[in-house]
C-alpha cells in the first residue's frame, strides 16, 4: 500500500513545482519593501516598466521642482538682504539677477520691490509643485501595492468565454390568483 501512495505524492510535488498561486498578502508586503517586487512575485513582468516609469517620472518632477524652488528661494533671500542693506546691483553673479528671464534686467521686471514679490510667488508655486510631485510618488507607490494585491487575488479567477444570457417568458400568479406574464433574464457564468 505504501508503494501506491508514493507515486501520488510525487505527482502532487510535480504539480506544485509548476503551478504558482501567489499569496496576496505576501505580494503586498514584497511590494511595500521593494516597489515592483509584488509584480515580480505575481509574475506580471510586463507591469514593471509602468511601475518604475512612474517612479522615475515622479522622481524627475520632484528634483526639477525642488531645484527651481531652491533657486527662487535663494534669489528671494539675497534680494531681500540687498534691499535691506541698500546694495541692490545688476551684477550677473547675484542669484536674483540669474533667475531673471533672458533679455530683461531689474528695471524691466518692475524694479527690486516688484521682482521681490515675483520671486516670492515663484517660490511658493514651485514649492507647491514639488509637494504635488511627492504626493504623486506616494500615490504611485500605493497603486503598485494595490495592483500586486489585486493581481494575486484574481490570479486563478476563471474568465470563461461561456457567458450566456437566457431570456424566456414566464407566467406569474399573484396572491389573488391573477395571471400575469413576465420576462425572466438569467445570466450564467
N, C-alpha and C. Protein backbone atom coordinates (compact mmCIF):
# COMPACT_ATOMS: atom_id res chain seq x y z
N UNK A 1 0.82 -1.18 0.00
CA UNK A 1 0.00 0.00 0.00
C UNK A 1 0.87 1.25 0.00
N UNK A 2 2.00 1.22 0.62
CA UNK A 2 2.92 2.35 0.65
C UNK A 2 3.44 2.65 -0.75
N UNK A 3 3.55 1.62 -1.57
CA UNK A 3 4.01 1.84 -2.94
C UNK A 3 2.97 2.59 -3.76
N UNK A 4 1.70 2.42 -3.46
CA UNK A 4 0.66 3.11 -4.22
C UNK A 4 0.59 4.60 -3.86
N UNK A 5 0.86 4.96 -2.64
CA UNK A 5 0.78 6.37 -2.25
C UNK A 5 2.02 7.16 -2.66
N UNK A 6 3.12 6.49 -2.85
CA UNK A 6 4.34 7.19 -3.22
C UNK A 6 4.24 7.88 -4.57
N UNK A 7 3.73 7.25 -5.63
CA UNK A 7 3.60 7.97 -6.90
C UNK A 7 2.63 9.15 -6.81
N UNK A 8 1.62 9.05 -5.97
CA UNK A 8 0.68 10.15 -5.84
C UNK A 8 1.37 11.36 -5.19
N UNK A 9 2.22 11.11 -4.20
CA UNK A 9 2.95 12.20 -3.56
C UNK A 9 3.90 12.84 -4.56
N UNK A 10 4.57 12.04 -5.36
CA UNK A 10 5.48 12.58 -6.37
C UNK A 10 4.71 13.38 -7.41
N UNK A 11 3.52 12.90 -7.77
CA UNK A 11 2.69 13.63 -8.73
C UNK A 11 2.24 14.98 -8.16
N UNK A 12 1.86 15.01 -6.88
CA UNK A 12 1.46 16.27 -6.24
C UNK A 12 2.64 17.22 -6.15
N UNK A 13 3.82 16.70 -5.88
CA UNK A 13 5.01 17.55 -5.79
C UNK A 13 5.32 18.15 -7.15
N UNK A 14 5.16 17.38 -8.22
CA UNK A 14 5.40 17.91 -9.56
C UNK A 14 4.41 19.01 -9.90
N UNK A 15 3.15 18.81 -9.54
CA UNK A 15 2.14 19.83 -9.82
C UNK A 15 2.45 21.12 -9.07
N UNK A 16 2.91 21.01 -7.81
CA UNK A 16 3.18 22.22 -7.03
C UNK A 16 4.41 22.94 -7.54
N UNK A 17 5.32 22.25 -8.20
CA UNK A 17 6.51 22.90 -8.76
C UNK A 17 6.12 23.76 -9.94
N UNK A 18 5.22 23.30 -10.76
CA UNK A 18 4.87 24.01 -11.98
C UNK A 18 3.73 25.01 -11.80
N UNK A 19 2.95 24.88 -10.74
CA UNK A 19 1.83 25.79 -10.53
C UNK A 19 2.15 26.72 -9.38
N UNK A 20 2.11 28.00 -9.66
CA UNK A 20 2.42 29.02 -8.65
C UNK A 20 1.18 29.87 -8.42
N UNK A 21 0.59 29.73 -7.24
CA UNK A 21 -0.54 30.58 -6.87
C UNK A 21 -0.04 31.58 -5.85
N UNK A 22 0.04 32.85 -6.24
CA UNK A 22 0.60 33.84 -5.32
C UNK A 22 -0.31 34.14 -4.13
N UNK A 23 0.32 34.44 -3.02
CA UNK A 23 -0.39 34.85 -1.81
C UNK A 23 -0.55 36.37 -1.85
N UNK A 24 -1.77 36.90 -1.77
CA UNK A 24 -1.98 38.34 -1.88
C UNK A 24 -1.24 39.16 -0.83
N UNK A 25 -1.23 38.69 0.42
CA UNK A 25 -0.55 39.46 1.47
C UNK A 25 0.97 39.48 1.26
N UNK A 26 1.50 38.37 0.81
CA UNK A 26 2.94 38.33 0.53
C UNK A 26 3.28 39.27 -0.63
N UNK A 27 2.41 39.33 -1.62
CA UNK A 27 2.63 40.23 -2.75
C UNK A 27 2.62 41.69 -2.30
N UNK A 28 1.71 42.03 -1.40
CA UNK A 28 1.64 43.41 -0.88
C UNK A 28 2.89 43.74 -0.08
N UNK A 29 3.30 42.83 0.80
CA UNK A 29 4.47 43.11 1.63
C UNK A 29 5.74 43.20 0.80
N UNK A 30 5.87 42.35 -0.20
CA UNK A 30 7.03 42.45 -1.08
C UNK A 30 7.02 43.77 -1.83
N UNK A 31 5.82 44.18 -2.30
CA UNK A 31 5.70 45.46 -2.99
C UNK A 31 5.92 46.65 -2.08
N UNK A 32 5.65 46.48 -0.77
CA UNK A 32 5.89 47.56 0.18
C UNK A 32 7.37 47.70 0.49
N UNK A 33 8.07 46.58 0.54
CA UNK A 33 9.50 46.62 0.84
C UNK A 33 10.30 47.13 -0.35
N UNK A 34 10.06 46.55 -1.51
CA UNK A 34 10.74 46.95 -2.75
C UNK A 34 9.66 47.19 -3.80
N UNK A 35 9.49 48.42 -4.25
CA UNK A 35 8.46 48.68 -5.27
C UNK A 35 8.70 47.82 -6.52
N UNK A 36 7.64 47.18 -6.97
CA UNK A 36 7.73 46.31 -8.13
C UNK A 36 7.96 44.85 -7.78
N UNK A 37 8.36 44.56 -6.55
CA UNK A 37 8.61 43.17 -6.15
C UNK A 37 7.32 42.37 -6.10
N UNK A 38 6.20 43.01 -5.80
CA UNK A 38 4.91 42.33 -5.82
C UNK A 38 4.53 41.89 -7.22
N UNK A 39 4.85 42.72 -8.22
CA UNK A 39 4.59 42.36 -9.61
C UNK A 39 5.50 41.22 -10.04
N UNK A 40 6.75 41.23 -9.58
CA UNK A 40 7.67 40.14 -9.90
C UNK A 40 7.18 38.84 -9.25
N UNK A 41 6.75 38.92 -8.00
CA UNK A 41 6.23 37.74 -7.30
C UNK A 41 5.00 37.17 -8.01
N UNK A 42 4.15 38.05 -8.54
CA UNK A 42 2.96 37.60 -9.26
C UNK A 42 3.26 37.18 -10.69
N UNK A 43 4.50 37.33 -11.10
CA UNK A 43 4.96 37.02 -12.46
C UNK A 43 4.26 37.89 -13.49
N UNK A 44 4.01 39.14 -13.13
CA UNK A 44 3.46 40.13 -14.05
C UNK A 44 4.59 41.06 -14.45
N UNK A 45 5.54 40.52 -15.17
CA UNK A 45 6.75 41.26 -15.51
C UNK A 45 6.47 42.45 -16.41
N UNK A 46 5.41 42.38 -17.20
CA UNK A 46 5.11 43.47 -18.13
C UNK A 46 4.69 44.75 -17.40
N UNK A 47 4.34 44.65 -16.12
CA UNK A 47 3.95 45.84 -15.36
C UNK A 47 5.14 46.59 -14.77
N UNK A 48 6.31 45.97 -14.75
CA UNK A 48 7.49 46.61 -14.18
C UNK A 48 7.86 47.92 -14.86
N UNK A 49 7.88 48.00 -16.19
CA UNK A 49 8.20 49.31 -16.80
C UNK A 49 7.20 50.40 -16.42
N UNK A 50 5.95 50.03 -16.20
CA UNK A 50 4.95 51.02 -15.80
C UNK A 50 5.23 51.51 -14.38
N UNK A 51 5.51 50.58 -13.48
CA UNK A 51 5.79 50.94 -12.08
C UNK A 51 7.05 51.79 -12.00
N UNK A 52 8.14 51.31 -12.59
CA UNK A 52 9.40 52.05 -12.49
C UNK A 52 9.39 53.32 -13.31
N UNK A 53 8.65 53.34 -14.41
CA UNK A 53 8.49 54.58 -15.17
C UNK A 53 7.75 55.63 -14.37
N UNK A 54 6.73 55.20 -13.63
CA UNK A 54 6.01 56.13 -12.77
C UNK A 54 6.90 56.70 -11.68
N UNK A 55 7.72 55.84 -11.07
CA UNK A 55 8.63 56.32 -10.03
C UNK A 55 9.70 57.25 -10.60
N UNK A 56 10.21 56.91 -11.78
CA UNK A 56 11.24 57.76 -12.38
C UNK A 56 10.66 59.11 -12.78
N UNK A 57 9.46 59.12 -13.32
CA UNK A 57 8.81 60.38 -13.69
C UNK A 57 8.54 61.24 -12.47
N UNK A 58 8.06 60.63 -11.41
CA UNK A 58 7.81 61.39 -10.18
C UNK A 58 9.11 61.89 -9.57
N UNK A 59 10.15 61.06 -9.60
CA UNK A 59 11.45 61.49 -9.08
C UNK A 59 12.02 62.66 -9.85
N UNK A 60 11.87 62.61 -11.18
CA UNK A 60 12.34 63.73 -12.00
C UNK A 60 11.56 65.00 -11.69
N UNK A 61 10.26 64.88 -11.54
CA UNK A 61 9.42 66.05 -11.22
C UNK A 61 9.78 66.63 -9.87
N UNK A 62 10.05 65.78 -8.89
CA UNK A 62 10.44 66.27 -7.57
C UNK A 62 11.76 67.03 -7.67
N UNK A 63 12.73 66.43 -8.35
CA UNK A 63 14.04 67.07 -8.46
C UNK A 63 13.96 68.39 -9.21
N UNK A 64 13.25 68.42 -10.33
CA UNK A 64 13.17 69.64 -11.13
C UNK A 64 12.47 70.76 -10.36
N UNK A 65 11.34 70.44 -9.76
CA UNK A 65 10.60 71.46 -9.00
C UNK A 65 11.37 71.91 -7.76
N UNK A 66 12.10 71.00 -7.12
CA UNK A 66 12.88 71.38 -5.95
C UNK A 66 14.05 72.28 -6.35
N UNK A 67 14.69 72.00 -7.49
CA UNK A 67 15.77 72.87 -7.96
C UNK A 67 15.26 74.27 -8.25
N UNK A 68 14.12 74.36 -8.90
CA UNK A 68 13.53 75.68 -9.18
C UNK A 68 13.14 76.39 -7.87
N UNK A 69 12.56 75.63 -6.96
CA UNK A 69 12.16 76.21 -5.68
C UNK A 69 13.36 76.77 -4.93
N UNK A 70 14.45 75.99 -4.84
CA UNK A 70 15.62 76.46 -4.10
C UNK A 70 16.29 77.64 -4.79
N UNK A 71 16.29 77.67 -6.12
CA UNK A 71 16.92 78.82 -6.80
C UNK A 71 16.10 80.09 -6.58
N UNK A 72 14.78 80.00 -6.62
CA UNK A 72 13.95 81.18 -6.34
C UNK A 72 14.01 81.58 -4.87
N UNK A 73 14.12 80.60 -3.99
CA UNK A 73 14.25 80.91 -2.57
C UNK A 73 15.56 81.63 -2.29
N UNK A 74 16.67 81.13 -2.87
CA UNK A 74 17.97 81.77 -2.69
C UNK A 74 17.95 83.19 -3.26
N UNK A 75 17.33 83.34 -4.44
CA UNK A 75 17.25 84.67 -5.06
C UNK A 75 16.42 85.61 -4.20
N UNK A 76 15.33 85.12 -3.64
CA UNK A 76 14.48 85.96 -2.78
C UNK A 76 15.25 86.42 -1.54
N UNK A 77 15.95 85.50 -0.89
CA UNK A 77 16.71 85.84 0.32
C UNK A 77 17.81 86.84 -0.01
N UNK A 78 18.53 86.61 -1.12
CA UNK A 78 19.61 87.52 -1.50
C UNK A 78 19.08 88.91 -1.83
N UNK A 79 18.00 88.98 -2.58
CA UNK A 79 17.44 90.29 -2.93
C UNK A 79 16.90 90.99 -1.70
N UNK A 80 16.24 90.24 -0.83
CA UNK A 80 15.72 90.84 0.41
C UNK A 80 16.86 91.43 1.25
N UNK A 81 17.94 90.66 1.39
CA UNK A 81 19.09 91.14 2.17
C UNK A 81 19.74 92.35 1.51
N UNK A 82 19.84 92.36 0.17
CA UNK A 82 20.44 93.51 -0.53
C UNK A 82 19.54 94.74 -0.44
N UNK A 83 18.22 94.54 -0.46
CA UNK A 83 17.31 95.69 -0.30
C UNK A 83 17.46 96.27 1.11
N UNK A 84 17.54 95.40 2.12
CA UNK A 84 17.70 95.86 3.49
C UNK A 84 19.03 96.60 3.69
N UNK A 85 20.08 96.11 3.00
CA UNK A 85 21.40 96.74 3.13
C UNK A 85 21.57 97.93 2.19
N UNK A 86 20.66 98.05 1.20
CA UNK A 86 20.76 99.12 0.22
C UNK A 86 21.84 98.89 -0.82
N UNK A 87 22.17 97.65 -1.10
CA UNK A 87 23.24 97.32 -2.06
C UNK A 87 22.72 96.54 -3.26
N UNK A 88 21.53 96.83 -3.74
CA UNK A 88 20.97 96.14 -4.89
C UNK A 88 21.79 96.53 -6.11
N UNK A 89 22.22 95.53 -6.89
CA UNK A 89 23.04 95.82 -8.08
C UNK A 89 22.61 94.91 -9.23
N UNK A 90 23.10 95.23 -10.41
CA UNK A 90 22.81 94.46 -11.63
C UNK A 90 23.93 93.45 -11.91
N UNK A 91 24.68 93.10 -10.91
CA UNK A 91 25.79 92.16 -11.08
C UNK A 91 25.25 90.79 -11.48
N UNK A 92 25.69 90.22 -12.63
CA UNK A 92 25.16 88.92 -13.08
C UNK A 92 25.47 87.75 -12.15
N UNK A 93 26.40 87.93 -11.24
CA UNK A 93 26.71 86.84 -10.31
C UNK A 93 25.70 86.76 -9.17
N UNK A 94 24.85 87.76 -9.02
CA UNK A 94 23.83 87.75 -7.98
C UNK A 94 22.74 86.73 -8.37
N UNK A 95 22.24 86.00 -7.40
CA UNK A 95 21.25 84.95 -7.68
C UNK A 95 19.93 85.53 -8.16
N UNK A 96 19.55 86.71 -7.72
CA UNK A 96 18.29 87.29 -8.15
C UNK A 96 18.37 87.85 -9.56
N UNK A 97 19.57 88.10 -10.07
CA UNK A 97 19.73 88.52 -11.46
C UNK A 97 19.79 87.28 -12.36
N UNK A 98 20.34 86.18 -11.86
CA UNK A 98 20.48 84.95 -12.65
C UNK A 98 19.13 84.34 -13.01
N UNK A 99 18.10 84.56 -12.21
CA UNK A 99 16.79 83.96 -12.50
C UNK A 99 15.89 84.87 -13.33
N UNK A 100 16.35 86.07 -13.63
CA UNK A 100 15.57 86.97 -14.49
C UNK A 100 15.60 86.39 -15.90
N UNK A 101 14.46 86.37 -16.60
CA UNK A 101 14.45 85.83 -17.97
C UNK A 101 15.42 86.57 -18.89
N UNK A 102 15.90 85.87 -19.92
CA UNK A 102 16.83 86.47 -20.88
C UNK A 102 16.20 87.69 -21.55
N UNK A 103 17.01 88.72 -21.73
CA UNK A 103 16.55 89.93 -22.37
C UNK A 103 15.95 90.94 -21.41
N UNK A 104 15.87 90.61 -20.16
CA UNK A 104 15.31 91.51 -19.15
C UNK A 104 16.39 91.89 -18.15
N UNK A 105 16.20 93.03 -17.54
CA UNK A 105 17.05 93.42 -16.42
C UNK A 105 16.15 93.81 -15.26
N UNK A 106 16.73 94.25 -14.19
CA UNK A 106 15.97 94.54 -12.97
C UNK A 106 14.95 95.66 -13.18
N UNK A 107 15.26 96.63 -14.00
CA UNK A 107 14.30 97.72 -14.22
C UNK A 107 13.14 97.27 -15.11
N UNK A 108 13.41 96.36 -16.07
CA UNK A 108 12.34 95.90 -16.97
C UNK A 108 11.36 94.94 -16.29
N UNK A 109 11.75 94.35 -15.18
CA UNK A 109 10.83 93.47 -14.47
C UNK A 109 10.06 94.21 -13.38
N UNK A 110 10.22 95.53 -13.32
CA UNK A 110 9.43 96.33 -12.39
C UNK A 110 10.18 96.84 -11.18
N UNK A 111 11.48 96.69 -11.17
CA UNK A 111 12.25 97.16 -10.02
C UNK A 111 12.43 96.08 -8.98
N UNK A 112 13.21 96.43 -7.98
CA UNK A 112 13.59 95.42 -6.98
C UNK A 112 12.42 94.99 -6.11
N UNK A 113 11.52 95.91 -5.75
CA UNK A 113 10.40 95.51 -4.89
C UNK A 113 9.39 94.64 -5.65
N UNK A 114 9.14 94.96 -6.91
CA UNK A 114 8.23 94.15 -7.73
C UNK A 114 8.85 92.77 -7.99
N UNK A 115 10.16 92.74 -8.26
CA UNK A 115 10.84 91.47 -8.50
C UNK A 115 10.89 90.64 -7.23
N UNK A 116 10.95 91.28 -6.06
CA UNK A 116 10.93 90.55 -4.79
C UNK A 116 9.60 89.81 -4.61
N UNK A 117 8.49 90.48 -4.93
CA UNK A 117 7.19 89.79 -4.80
C UNK A 117 7.04 88.70 -5.86
N UNK A 118 7.60 88.91 -7.06
CA UNK A 118 7.56 87.87 -8.09
C UNK A 118 8.37 86.65 -7.65
N UNK A 119 9.53 86.89 -7.06
CA UNK A 119 10.34 85.78 -6.56
C UNK A 119 9.61 85.01 -5.46
N UNK A 120 8.91 85.72 -4.60
CA UNK A 120 8.15 85.06 -3.54
C UNK A 120 7.02 84.21 -4.13
N UNK A 121 6.33 84.74 -5.15
CA UNK A 121 5.26 83.97 -5.81
C UNK A 121 5.81 82.72 -6.50
N UNK A 122 6.92 82.88 -7.23
CA UNK A 122 7.52 81.74 -7.93
C UNK A 122 8.00 80.69 -6.93
N UNK A 123 8.54 81.14 -5.82
CA UNK A 123 8.99 80.23 -4.78
C UNK A 123 7.82 79.39 -4.25
N UNK A 124 6.69 80.02 -3.98
CA UNK A 124 5.54 79.27 -3.46
C UNK A 124 4.94 78.35 -4.52
N UNK A 125 4.97 78.77 -5.79
CA UNK A 125 4.45 77.92 -6.87
C UNK A 125 5.26 76.64 -6.98
N UNK A 126 6.59 76.77 -7.03
CA UNK A 126 7.43 75.58 -7.20
C UNK A 126 7.48 74.73 -5.94
N UNK A 127 7.28 75.31 -4.77
CA UNK A 127 7.17 74.51 -3.56
C UNK A 127 5.90 73.66 -3.62
N UNK A 128 4.81 74.27 -4.08
CA UNK A 128 3.55 73.54 -4.21
C UNK A 128 3.68 72.42 -5.25
N UNK A 129 4.32 72.71 -6.39
CA UNK A 129 4.52 71.67 -7.41
C UNK A 129 5.42 70.54 -6.90
N UNK A 130 6.42 70.88 -6.11
CA UNK A 130 7.28 69.85 -5.52
C UNK A 130 6.46 68.97 -4.58
N UNK A 131 5.61 69.60 -3.78
CA UNK A 131 4.78 68.83 -2.85
C UNK A 131 3.78 67.95 -3.60
N UNK A 132 3.23 68.45 -4.69
CA UNK A 132 2.34 67.63 -5.52
C UNK A 132 3.10 66.45 -6.12
N UNK A 133 4.33 66.67 -6.49
CA UNK A 133 5.14 65.58 -7.06
C UNK A 133 5.41 64.51 -6.00
N UNK A 134 5.65 64.93 -4.77
CA UNK A 134 5.85 63.97 -3.68
C UNK A 134 4.56 63.19 -3.44
N UNK A 135 3.43 63.88 -3.48
CA UNK A 135 2.14 63.21 -3.32
C UNK A 135 1.89 62.21 -4.46
N UNK A 136 2.27 62.59 -5.68
CA UNK A 136 2.12 61.68 -6.82
C UNK A 136 2.99 60.43 -6.64
N UNK A 137 4.16 60.59 -6.06
CA UNK A 137 5.04 59.45 -5.80
C UNK A 137 4.40 58.50 -4.79
N UNK A 138 3.79 59.05 -3.76
CA UNK A 138 3.10 58.22 -2.76
C UNK A 138 1.93 57.48 -3.40
N UNK A 139 1.22 58.16 -4.31
CA UNK A 139 0.09 57.54 -4.99
C UNK A 139 0.57 56.40 -5.90
N UNK A 140 1.66 56.62 -6.63
CA UNK A 140 2.21 55.55 -7.48
C UNK A 140 2.64 54.37 -6.63
N UNK A 141 3.25 54.64 -5.49
CA UNK A 141 3.67 53.58 -4.57
C UNK A 141 2.46 52.79 -4.07
N UNK A 142 1.41 53.50 -3.66
CA UNK A 142 0.20 52.82 -3.17
C UNK A 142 -0.48 52.03 -4.29
N UNK A 143 -0.53 52.60 -5.48
CA UNK A 143 -1.16 51.89 -6.60
C UNK A 143 -0.39 50.63 -6.98
N UNK A 144 0.93 50.67 -6.88
CA UNK A 144 1.70 49.46 -7.20
C UNK A 144 1.42 48.36 -6.17
N UNK A 145 1.24 48.74 -4.90
CA UNK A 145 0.91 47.74 -3.89
C UNK A 145 -0.51 47.22 -4.08
N UNK A 146 -1.45 48.09 -4.40
CA UNK A 146 -2.83 47.66 -4.65
C UNK A 146 -2.89 46.75 -5.86
N UNK A 147 -2.13 47.09 -6.89
CA UNK A 147 -2.10 46.25 -8.09
C UNK A 147 -1.55 44.87 -7.78
N UNK A 148 -0.50 44.80 -6.97
CA UNK A 148 0.07 43.50 -6.60
C UNK A 148 -0.96 42.66 -5.83
N UNK A 149 -1.70 43.30 -4.94
CA UNK A 149 -2.71 42.58 -4.16
C UNK A 149 -3.84 42.07 -5.05
N UNK A 150 -4.37 42.94 -5.89
CA UNK A 150 -5.50 42.56 -6.75
C UNK A 150 -5.07 41.51 -7.76
N UNK A 151 -3.86 41.65 -8.30
CA UNK A 151 -3.37 40.67 -9.27
C UNK A 151 -3.21 39.30 -8.62
N UNK A 152 -2.75 39.27 -7.38
CA UNK A 152 -2.62 37.99 -6.68
C UNK A 152 -3.99 37.41 -6.32
N UNK A 153 -4.94 38.27 -5.95
CA UNK A 153 -6.29 37.79 -5.62
C UNK A 153 -6.98 37.19 -6.85
N UNK A 154 -6.81 37.83 -7.99
CA UNK A 154 -7.52 37.40 -9.20
C UNK A 154 -6.67 36.46 -10.06
N UNK A 155 -5.62 35.88 -9.48
CA UNK A 155 -4.72 35.04 -10.25
C UNK A 155 -5.44 33.84 -10.86
N UNK A 156 -6.27 33.17 -10.08
CA UNK A 156 -6.95 31.98 -10.59
C UNK A 156 -8.44 32.23 -10.84
N UNK A 157 -8.79 33.49 -11.05
CA UNK A 157 -10.18 33.82 -11.37
C UNK A 157 -10.50 33.31 -12.76
N UNK A 158 -11.56 32.53 -12.88
CA UNK A 158 -11.92 31.90 -14.15
C UNK A 158 -12.70 32.89 -15.01
N UNK A 159 -12.11 33.22 -16.13
CA UNK A 159 -12.80 34.07 -17.10
C UNK A 159 -13.13 33.18 -18.29
N UNK A 160 -14.22 32.47 -18.17
CA UNK A 160 -14.58 31.55 -19.24
C UNK A 160 -15.34 32.30 -20.33
N UNK A 161 -15.18 31.89 -21.56
CA UNK A 161 -15.91 32.54 -22.64
C UNK A 161 -17.37 32.12 -22.70
N UNK A 162 -17.80 31.24 -21.79
CA UNK A 162 -19.15 30.73 -21.81
C UNK A 162 -20.05 31.59 -20.92
N UNK A 163 -20.25 32.82 -21.32
CA UNK A 163 -21.21 33.69 -20.65
C UNK A 163 -22.49 33.66 -21.47
N UNK A 164 -23.57 33.23 -20.85
CA UNK A 164 -24.83 33.13 -21.59
C UNK A 164 -25.90 33.93 -20.90
N UNK A 165 -26.80 34.43 -21.70
CA UNK A 165 -27.96 35.17 -21.20
C UNK A 165 -29.19 34.44 -21.73
N UNK A 166 -29.98 33.94 -20.80
CA UNK A 166 -31.21 33.24 -21.18
C UNK A 166 -32.39 34.17 -20.96
N UNK A 167 -33.17 34.37 -22.02
CA UNK A 167 -34.38 35.18 -21.94
C UNK A 167 -35.54 34.24 -22.24
N UNK A 168 -36.49 34.15 -21.29
CA UNK A 168 -37.63 33.26 -21.50
C UNK A 168 -38.87 33.85 -20.83
N UNK A 169 -40.01 33.67 -21.46
CA UNK A 169 -41.23 34.16 -20.84
C UNK A 169 -41.64 33.24 -19.69
N UNK A 170 -42.36 33.82 -18.74
CA UNK A 170 -42.81 33.04 -17.60
C UNK A 170 -44.16 33.57 -17.16
N UNK A 171 -45.04 32.66 -16.77
CA UNK A 171 -46.34 33.06 -16.26
C UNK A 171 -46.25 33.13 -14.74
N UNK A 172 -46.80 34.21 -14.22
CA UNK A 172 -46.69 34.51 -12.79
C UNK A 172 -48.08 34.61 -12.20
N UNK A 173 -48.31 33.98 -11.06
CA UNK A 173 -49.59 34.07 -10.35
C UNK A 173 -49.37 34.92 -9.11
N UNK A 174 -50.18 35.95 -8.94
CA UNK A 174 -50.06 36.78 -7.75
C UNK A 174 -50.93 36.21 -6.63
N UNK A 175 -51.09 36.95 -5.55
CA UNK A 175 -51.80 36.47 -4.36
C UNK A 175 -53.27 36.18 -4.66
N UNK A 176 -53.89 36.96 -5.52
CA UNK A 176 -55.31 36.80 -5.81
C UNK A 176 -55.54 35.83 -6.98
N UNK A 177 -54.56 35.06 -7.30
CA UNK A 177 -54.61 34.05 -8.37
C UNK A 177 -54.85 34.68 -9.73
N UNK A 178 -54.40 35.90 -9.89
CA UNK A 178 -54.45 36.55 -11.20
C UNK A 178 -53.17 36.19 -11.96
N UNK A 179 -53.37 35.88 -13.24
CA UNK A 179 -52.22 35.55 -14.06
C UNK A 179 -51.63 36.80 -14.66
N UNK A 180 -50.31 36.82 -14.74
CA UNK A 180 -49.61 37.88 -15.45
C UNK A 180 -48.36 37.28 -16.09
N UNK A 181 -47.91 37.95 -17.11
CA UNK A 181 -46.73 37.46 -17.83
C UNK A 181 -45.52 38.32 -17.44
N UNK A 182 -44.39 37.68 -17.46
CA UNK A 182 -43.15 38.42 -17.20
C UNK A 182 -42.04 37.79 -18.02
N UNK A 183 -40.97 38.53 -18.13
CA UNK A 183 -39.80 38.02 -18.85
C UNK A 183 -38.72 37.75 -17.82
N UNK A 184 -38.15 36.56 -17.89
CA UNK A 184 -37.13 36.15 -16.95
C UNK A 184 -35.77 36.23 -17.64
N UNK A 185 -34.84 36.97 -17.03
CA UNK A 185 -33.49 37.07 -17.52
C UNK A 185 -32.57 36.32 -16.58
N UNK A 186 -31.76 35.45 -17.12
CA UNK A 186 -30.81 34.69 -16.30
C UNK A 186 -29.44 34.73 -16.95
N UNK A 187 -28.48 35.26 -16.20
CA UNK A 187 -27.09 35.29 -16.69
C UNK A 187 -26.35 34.13 -16.06
N UNK A 188 -25.67 33.38 -16.89
CA UNK A 188 -24.96 32.21 -16.41
C UNK A 188 -23.46 32.40 -16.62
N UNK A 189 -22.69 32.22 -15.55
CA UNK A 189 -21.24 32.37 -15.63
C UNK A 189 -20.59 31.04 -15.81
